[in-house]
């Protein structure tokens, strides 16, 4: 999920993650896919894939993400 970042134009970036979400509308059956990218200052020790997934999930359920 995550990767170490070199040369990214974010001064405190330590990792980036690509999150692909697949959804199916229950009423129409229409399927969609959304890709979002996450940039974090957490290094790989602080921000394991499991922890990043939890942070992302909590942020989405609250309507947005902030520094965690």
N, C-alpha and C. Protein backbone atom coordinates (compact mmCIF):
# COMPACT_ATOMS: atom_id res chain seq x y z
N UNK A 1 0.82 -1.18 0.00
CA UNK A 1 0.00 0.00 0.00
C UNK A 1 0.87 1.25 0.00
N UNK A 2 1.88 1.36 0.85
CA UNK A 2 2.68 2.57 0.93
C UNK A 2 4.04 2.40 0.31
N UNK A 3 4.72 3.53 0.06
CA UNK A 3 6.06 3.50 -0.50
C UNK A 3 6.84 4.68 0.04
N UNK A 4 8.14 4.49 0.23
CA UNK A 4 8.99 5.59 0.66
C UNK A 4 9.11 6.58 -0.48
N UNK A 5 9.14 7.87 -0.14
CA UNK A 5 9.12 8.92 -1.14
C UNK A 5 10.43 9.68 -1.15
N UNK A 6 11.08 9.76 -2.29
CA UNK A 6 12.25 10.60 -2.49
C UNK A 6 11.92 11.60 -3.58
N UNK A 7 12.26 12.85 -3.34
CA UNK A 7 12.06 13.86 -4.37
C UNK A 7 10.64 14.37 -4.50
N UNK A 8 9.74 14.00 -3.61
CA UNK A 8 8.38 14.51 -3.65
C UNK A 8 8.39 15.93 -3.12
N UNK A 9 7.65 16.81 -3.74
CA UNK A 9 7.68 18.23 -3.38
C UNK A 9 6.78 18.54 -2.18
N UNK A 10 6.87 17.72 -1.16
CA UNK A 10 6.21 17.95 0.12
C UNK A 10 7.30 17.79 1.18
N UNK A 11 7.66 18.86 1.89
CA UNK A 11 8.85 18.83 2.75
C UNK A 11 8.85 17.73 3.81
N UNK A 12 7.72 17.37 4.36
CA UNK A 12 7.70 16.40 5.46
C UNK A 12 7.14 15.04 5.04
N UNK A 13 7.02 14.81 3.76
CA UNK A 13 6.47 13.55 3.28
C UNK A 13 7.42 12.40 3.54
N UNK A 14 6.89 11.34 4.12
CA UNK A 14 7.68 10.14 4.37
C UNK A 14 7.15 8.96 3.55
N UNK A 15 5.85 8.95 3.30
CA UNK A 15 5.23 7.86 2.55
C UNK A 15 4.08 8.40 1.70
N UNK A 16 3.79 7.69 0.65
CA UNK A 16 2.56 7.92 -0.11
C UNK A 16 1.84 6.58 -0.21
N UNK A 17 0.54 6.66 -0.35
CA UNK A 17 -0.25 5.44 -0.53
C UNK A 17 -1.31 5.71 -1.58
N UNK A 18 -1.59 4.71 -2.37
CA UNK A 18 -2.67 4.79 -3.34
C UNK A 18 -3.79 3.89 -2.82
N UNK A 19 -4.97 4.46 -2.73
CA UNK A 19 -6.13 3.72 -2.24
C UNK A 19 -7.15 3.65 -3.37
N UNK A 20 -7.54 2.45 -3.74
CA UNK A 20 -8.54 2.26 -4.79
C UNK A 20 -9.79 1.71 -4.11
N UNK A 21 -10.89 2.44 -4.28
CA UNK A 21 -12.15 2.02 -3.69
C UNK A 21 -13.11 1.61 -4.80
N UNK A 22 -13.75 0.48 -4.61
CA UNK A 22 -14.76 -0.02 -5.54
C UNK A 22 -16.10 0.07 -4.83
N UNK A 23 -17.08 0.62 -5.53
CA UNK A 23 -18.42 0.75 -4.94
C UNK A 23 -19.46 0.25 -5.90
N UNK A 24 -20.55 -0.26 -5.34
CA UNK A 24 -21.71 -0.66 -6.12
C UNK A 24 -22.93 0.02 -5.52
N UNK A 25 -23.65 0.78 -6.33
CA UNK A 25 -24.87 1.43 -5.88
C UNK A 25 -25.93 0.35 -5.66
N UNK A 26 -26.50 0.31 -4.48
CA UNK A 26 -27.46 -0.74 -4.14
C UNK A 26 -28.78 -0.60 -4.91
N UNK A 27 -29.13 0.63 -5.28
CA UNK A 27 -30.40 0.81 -5.97
C UNK A 27 -30.30 0.58 -7.48
N UNK A 28 -29.18 0.99 -8.08
CA UNK A 28 -29.05 0.87 -9.54
C UNK A 28 -28.13 -0.26 -9.97
N UNK A 29 -27.29 -0.74 -9.06
CA UNK A 29 -26.32 -1.77 -9.40
C UNK A 29 -25.10 -1.22 -10.13
N UNK A 30 -25.08 0.10 -10.33
CA UNK A 30 -23.96 0.73 -11.04
C UNK A 30 -22.69 0.62 -10.20
N UNK A 31 -21.61 0.24 -10.87
CA UNK A 31 -20.32 0.08 -10.18
C UNK A 31 -19.41 1.24 -10.54
N UNK A 32 -18.60 1.66 -9.56
CA UNK A 32 -17.65 2.73 -9.81
C UNK A 32 -16.35 2.43 -9.08
N UNK A 33 -15.31 3.09 -9.54
CA UNK A 33 -14.00 2.94 -8.92
C UNK A 33 -13.43 4.34 -8.71
N UNK A 34 -12.84 4.56 -7.54
CA UNK A 34 -12.23 5.84 -7.23
C UNK A 34 -10.82 5.58 -6.71
N UNK A 35 -9.86 6.35 -7.19
CA UNK A 35 -8.49 6.23 -6.73
C UNK A 35 -8.11 7.53 -6.03
N UNK A 36 -7.59 7.42 -4.81
CA UNK A 36 -7.10 8.59 -4.07
C UNK A 36 -5.67 8.31 -3.64
N UNK A 37 -4.91 9.37 -3.47
CA UNK A 37 -3.52 9.27 -3.04
C UNK A 37 -3.38 9.96 -1.70
N UNK A 38 -2.64 9.33 -0.80
CA UNK A 38 -2.45 9.83 0.55
C UNK A 38 -0.97 10.13 0.73
N UNK A 39 -0.66 11.30 1.26
CA UNK A 39 0.72 11.67 1.58
C UNK A 39 0.78 11.86 3.08
N UNK A 40 1.76 11.22 3.72
CA UNK A 40 1.87 11.29 5.17
C UNK A 40 3.31 11.53 5.60
N UNK A 41 3.45 12.16 6.75
CA UNK A 41 4.76 12.36 7.35
C UNK A 41 5.18 11.19 8.23
N UNK A 42 4.30 10.21 8.38
CA UNK A 42 4.63 9.03 9.18
C UNK A 42 5.60 8.15 8.40
N UNK A 43 6.68 7.74 9.06
CA UNK A 43 7.61 6.82 8.38
C UNK A 43 7.03 5.41 8.41
N UNK A 44 7.72 4.48 7.80
CA UNK A 44 7.16 3.12 7.69
C UNK A 44 7.03 2.43 9.03
N UNK A 45 7.80 2.84 10.02
CA UNK A 45 7.68 2.26 11.36
C UNK A 45 6.44 2.81 12.08
N UNK A 46 6.18 4.10 11.90
CA UNK A 46 5.02 4.74 12.54
C UNK A 46 3.73 4.49 11.78
N UNK A 47 3.84 4.38 10.48
CA UNK A 47 2.66 4.26 9.63
C UNK A 47 2.67 2.98 8.83
N UNK A 48 2.41 1.88 9.52
CA UNK A 48 2.32 0.59 8.83
C UNK A 48 1.11 0.61 7.90
N UNK A 49 1.04 -0.29 6.93
CA UNK A 49 -0.14 -0.34 6.07
C UNK A 49 -1.44 -0.46 6.88
N UNK A 50 -1.41 -1.23 7.95
CA UNK A 50 -2.62 -1.40 8.78
C UNK A 50 -3.00 -0.08 9.46
N UNK A 51 -2.00 0.65 9.97
CA UNK A 51 -2.30 1.92 10.65
C UNK A 51 -2.79 2.95 9.64
N UNK A 52 -2.15 3.02 8.47
CA UNK A 52 -2.60 3.97 7.46
C UNK A 52 -4.04 3.66 7.03
N UNK A 53 -4.36 2.39 6.87
CA UNK A 53 -5.72 2.00 6.49
C UNK A 53 -6.72 2.45 7.56
N UNK A 54 -6.34 2.30 8.82
CA UNK A 54 -7.24 2.70 9.91
C UNK A 54 -7.42 4.22 9.91
N UNK A 55 -6.34 4.97 9.74
CA UNK A 55 -6.42 6.44 9.71
C UNK A 55 -7.29 6.89 8.55
N UNK A 56 -7.09 6.30 7.38
CA UNK A 56 -7.87 6.66 6.20
C UNK A 56 -9.34 6.33 6.42
N UNK A 57 -9.62 5.16 6.96
CA UNK A 57 -11.00 4.74 7.21
C UNK A 57 -11.68 5.68 8.20
N UNK A 58 -11.00 6.05 9.28
CA UNK A 58 -11.57 6.96 10.26
C UNK A 58 -11.81 8.34 9.66
N UNK A 59 -10.86 8.80 8.85
CA UNK A 59 -11.01 10.11 8.22
C UNK A 59 -12.18 10.15 7.26
N UNK A 60 -12.37 9.09 6.50
CA UNK A 60 -13.48 9.05 5.55
C UNK A 60 -14.81 9.00 6.27
N UNK A 61 -14.88 8.28 7.39
CA UNK A 61 -16.15 8.17 8.11
C UNK A 61 -16.51 9.48 8.80
N UNK A 62 -15.53 10.34 9.03
CA UNK A 62 -15.79 11.63 9.68
C UNK A 62 -15.93 12.75 8.66
N UNK A 63 -15.85 12.42 7.39
CA UNK A 63 -16.07 13.44 6.36
C UNK A 63 -14.82 14.14 5.88
N UNK A 64 -13.65 13.68 6.27
CA UNK A 64 -12.43 14.31 5.78
C UNK A 64 -11.23 13.83 6.56
N UNK A 65 -10.06 14.17 6.07
CA UNK A 65 -8.83 13.77 6.73
C UNK A 65 -8.09 15.01 7.21
N UNK A 66 -7.35 14.85 8.29
CA UNK A 66 -6.48 15.90 8.77
C UNK A 66 -5.21 15.23 9.25
N UNK A 67 -4.31 16.00 9.81
CA UNK A 67 -3.09 15.38 10.32
C UNK A 67 -3.44 14.42 11.43
N UNK A 68 -2.89 13.22 11.34
CA UNK A 68 -3.18 12.21 12.37
C UNK A 68 -1.89 11.77 13.02
